[in-house]
């Protein structure tokens, strides 16, 4: 498997792969991740339903000093921005996106280029062609009912 981009800090690479044994552990990992990601980072999340993508984003929000209780998967609205007068978190869900062009129309490039915030994208495989090369790509998979494996993800060459 190819190595992650050189722009992924080693302090982030060192977190993965990991297996979490509860939703709370997945959320705690998100908090740790938020502490280690520089402003302007893009986190692309790959995985089936129920693998913990939104739970990880809740943890990232908490790590940014935002309330995790308000973080919900933006499946129907596609985007939520949480800032509460702090470092903003742009949370995208591409599940219902029909094409990458639809994401572009939402102003995706503006959010991704926000050098002060952090952008998380659930179902990133649907908009992979739009992601910056230095995006942190994470694959979440089921190991058992409450166990999730989270690893660096390298998309297949096109």
Protein backbone atom coordinates (compact mmCIF):
# COMPACT_ATOMS: atom_id res chain seq x y z
CA UNK A 1 0.00 0.00 0.00
CA UNK A 2 1.36 3.47 -0.86
CA UNK A 3 2.35 5.68 2.03
CA UNK A 4 0.22 8.67 3.08
CA UNK A 5 1.06 12.09 1.67
CA UNK A 6 4.17 13.72 3.11
CA UNK A 7 1.97 16.54 4.31
CA UNK A 8 0.23 14.31 6.89
CA UNK A 9 2.06 15.09 10.13
CA UNK A 10 3.82 12.07 11.65
CA UNK A 11 1.97 12.81 14.92
CA UNK A 12 -1.25 12.06 12.99
CA UNK A 13 0.15 9.07 11.08
CA UNK A 14 1.22 7.55 14.40
CA UNK A 15 -2.43 7.29 15.49
CA UNK A 16 -3.30 4.77 12.78
CA UNK A 17 -4.26 2.03 12.34
CA UNK A 18 -6.28 1.75 15.52
CA UNK A 19 -9.22 -0.32 16.71
CA UNK A 20 -11.74 1.41 18.97
CA UNK A 21 -13.98 -0.71 21.18
CA UNK A 22 -16.88 1.70 21.70
CA UNK A 23 -18.54 4.77 20.22
CA UNK A 24 -17.01 6.80 23.06
CA UNK A 25 -13.53 5.56 22.14
CA UNK A 26 -14.10 6.55 18.52
CA UNK A 27 -15.20 10.00 19.67
CA UNK A 28 -12.14 10.30 21.95
CA UNK A 29 -9.91 9.46 18.97
CA UNK A 30 -11.52 12.36 17.11
CA UNK A 31 -10.57 14.70 19.95
CA UNK A 32 -6.97 13.52 19.82
CA UNK A 33 -6.96 13.93 16.07
CA UNK A 34 -8.25 17.52 16.33
CA UNK A 35 -5.38 18.37 18.68
CA UNK A 36 -2.85 17.15 16.13
CA UNK A 37 -4.29 18.57 12.89
CA UNK A 38 -3.11 21.97 11.73
CA UNK A 39 -5.65 24.65 10.72
CA UNK A 40 -6.84 24.22 7.15
CA UNK A 41 -6.78 20.42 7.29
CA UNK A 42 -9.23 18.32 5.32
CA UNK A 43 -10.30 14.95 6.73
CA UNK A 44 -11.91 12.58 4.22
CA UNK A 45 -13.86 9.71 5.80
CA UNK A 46 -14.55 6.45 3.99
CA UNK A 47 -16.74 3.67 5.33
CA UNK A 48 -20.10 1.96 5.30
CA UNK A 49 -23.14 3.02 7.32
CA UNK A 50 -22.56 2.72 11.04
CA UNK A 51 -18.77 2.63 10.98
CA UNK A 52 -18.43 5.69 13.20
CA UNK A 53 -17.80 8.52 10.74
CA UNK A 54 -20.14 10.96 12.47
CA UNK A 55 -18.96 9.85 15.90
CA UNK A 56 -15.37 10.63 14.89
CA UNK A 57 -16.49 14.09 13.69
CA UNK A 58 -18.22 14.66 17.06
CA UNK A 59 -14.86 14.01 18.69
CA UNK A 60 -13.09 16.36 16.30
CA UNK A 61 -15.64 19.06 17.19
CA UNK A 62 -15.05 18.46 20.88
CA UNK A 63 -11.29 18.65 20.33
CA UNK A 64 -11.79 22.03 18.67
CA UNK A 65 -13.68 23.28 21.72
CA UNK A 66 -17.09 22.95 20.06
CA UNK A 67 -20.09 21.18 21.54
CA UNK A 68 -20.27 17.61 20.18
CA UNK A 69 -23.97 17.31 21.05
CA UNK A 70 -25.03 19.51 18.14
CA UNK A 71 -22.99 17.56 15.58
CA UNK A 72 -25.21 15.44 13.38
CA UNK A 73 -24.65 13.85 10.02
CA UNK A 74 -25.63 16.48 7.44
CA UNK A 75 -27.08 13.87 5.09
CA UNK A 76 -30.06 15.94 4.00
CA UNK A 77 -28.47 19.38 4.14
CA UNK A 78 -25.04 18.16 2.92
CA UNK A 79 -23.18 20.77 5.01
CA UNK A 80 -23.12 22.05 8.58
CA UNK A 81 -20.64 24.60 9.81
CA UNK A 82 -19.99 24.77 13.53
CA UNK A 83 -17.99 27.68 14.85
CA UNK A 84 -19.43 29.07 18.08
CA UNK A 85 -16.86 31.90 17.76
CA UNK A 86 -14.01 29.38 17.62
CA UNK A 87 -12.04 27.53 14.97
CA UNK A 88 -14.72 26.53 12.46
CA UNK A 89 -15.56 22.96 11.58
CA UNK A 90 -17.11 22.40 8.14
CA UNK A 91 -18.88 19.04 8.13
CA UNK A 92 -19.92 17.65 4.76
CA UNK A 93 -21.86 14.49 3.98
CA UNK A 94 -21.63 13.38 0.36
CA UNK A 95 -24.01 10.41 0.73
CA UNK A 96 -26.77 12.01 -1.35
CA UNK A 97 -24.49 13.80 -3.78
CA UNK A 98 -25.10 12.70 -7.35
CA UNK A 99 -21.89 14.09 -8.82
CA UNK A 100 -18.79 16.03 -7.75
CA UNK A 101 -20.21 19.02 -9.67
CA UNK A 102 -23.03 19.22 -7.13
CA UNK A 103 -20.42 19.64 -4.37
CA UNK A 104 -18.66 22.37 -6.35
CA UNK A 105 -21.98 24.24 -6.67
CA UNK A 106 -22.26 24.25 -2.87
CA UNK A 107 -19.03 26.20 -2.64
CA UNK A 108 -17.00 23.19 -1.53
CA UNK A 109 -13.72 24.68 -2.75
CA UNK A 110 -14.21 27.76 -0.57
CA UNK A 111 -14.67 25.65 2.56
CA UNK A 112 -11.74 23.37 1.75
CA UNK A 113 -9.49 26.38 1.25
CA UNK A 114 -10.42 27.85 4.67
CA UNK A 115 -6.98 28.05 6.29
CA UNK A 116 -8.39 28.69 9.77
CA UNK A 117 -10.88 25.87 10.05
CA UNK A 118 -11.08 22.15 9.63
CA UNK A 119 -13.16 20.34 7.00
CA UNK A 120 -14.52 16.80 7.45
CA UNK A 121 -16.20 14.93 4.60
CA UNK A 122 -18.25 11.79 5.18
CA UNK A 123 -18.70 9.45 2.19
CA UNK A 124 -15.61 11.04 0.64
CA UNK A 125 -15.42 8.34 -2.04
CA UNK A 126 -18.25 10.17 -3.85
CA UNK A 127 -16.16 13.33 -4.25
CA UNK A 128 -12.65 11.89 -4.24
CA UNK A 129 -11.67 13.77 -7.39
CA UNK A 130 -12.26 17.10 -5.60
CA UNK A 131 -10.15 16.40 -2.54
CA UNK A 132 -6.86 18.20 -2.11
CA UNK A 133 -3.82 15.92 -2.40
CA UNK A 134 -2.88 16.54 1.23
CA UNK A 135 -6.28 15.49 2.62
CA UNK A 136 -6.10 13.05 5.51
CA UNK A 137 -8.01 10.02 4.23
CA UNK A 138 -9.35 7.63 6.86
CA UNK A 139 -11.08 4.30 6.25
CA UNK A 140 -13.47 3.13 8.96
CA UNK A 141 -14.58 -0.51 8.99
CA UNK A 142 -16.64 -2.78 11.25
CA UNK A 143 -14.61 -5.26 13.32
CA UNK A 144 -17.47 -6.31 15.63
CA UNK A 145 -20.73 -4.74 16.87
CA UNK A 146 -18.94 -1.94 18.76
CA UNK A 147 -15.39 -2.29 17.42
CA UNK A 148 -14.18 -0.15 14.56
CA UNK A 149 -10.88 -0.23 12.71
CA UNK A 150 -9.69 3.18 11.58
CA UNK A 151 -6.73 3.33 9.22
CA UNK A 152 -5.11 5.63 6.72
CA UNK A 153 -6.79 5.17 3.35
CA UNK A 154 -5.08 5.41 0.00
CA UNK A 155 -7.54 5.56 -2.89
CA UNK A 156 -7.02 3.27 -5.84
CA UNK A 157 -5.18 4.92 -8.75
CA UNK A 158 -7.46 6.19 -11.51
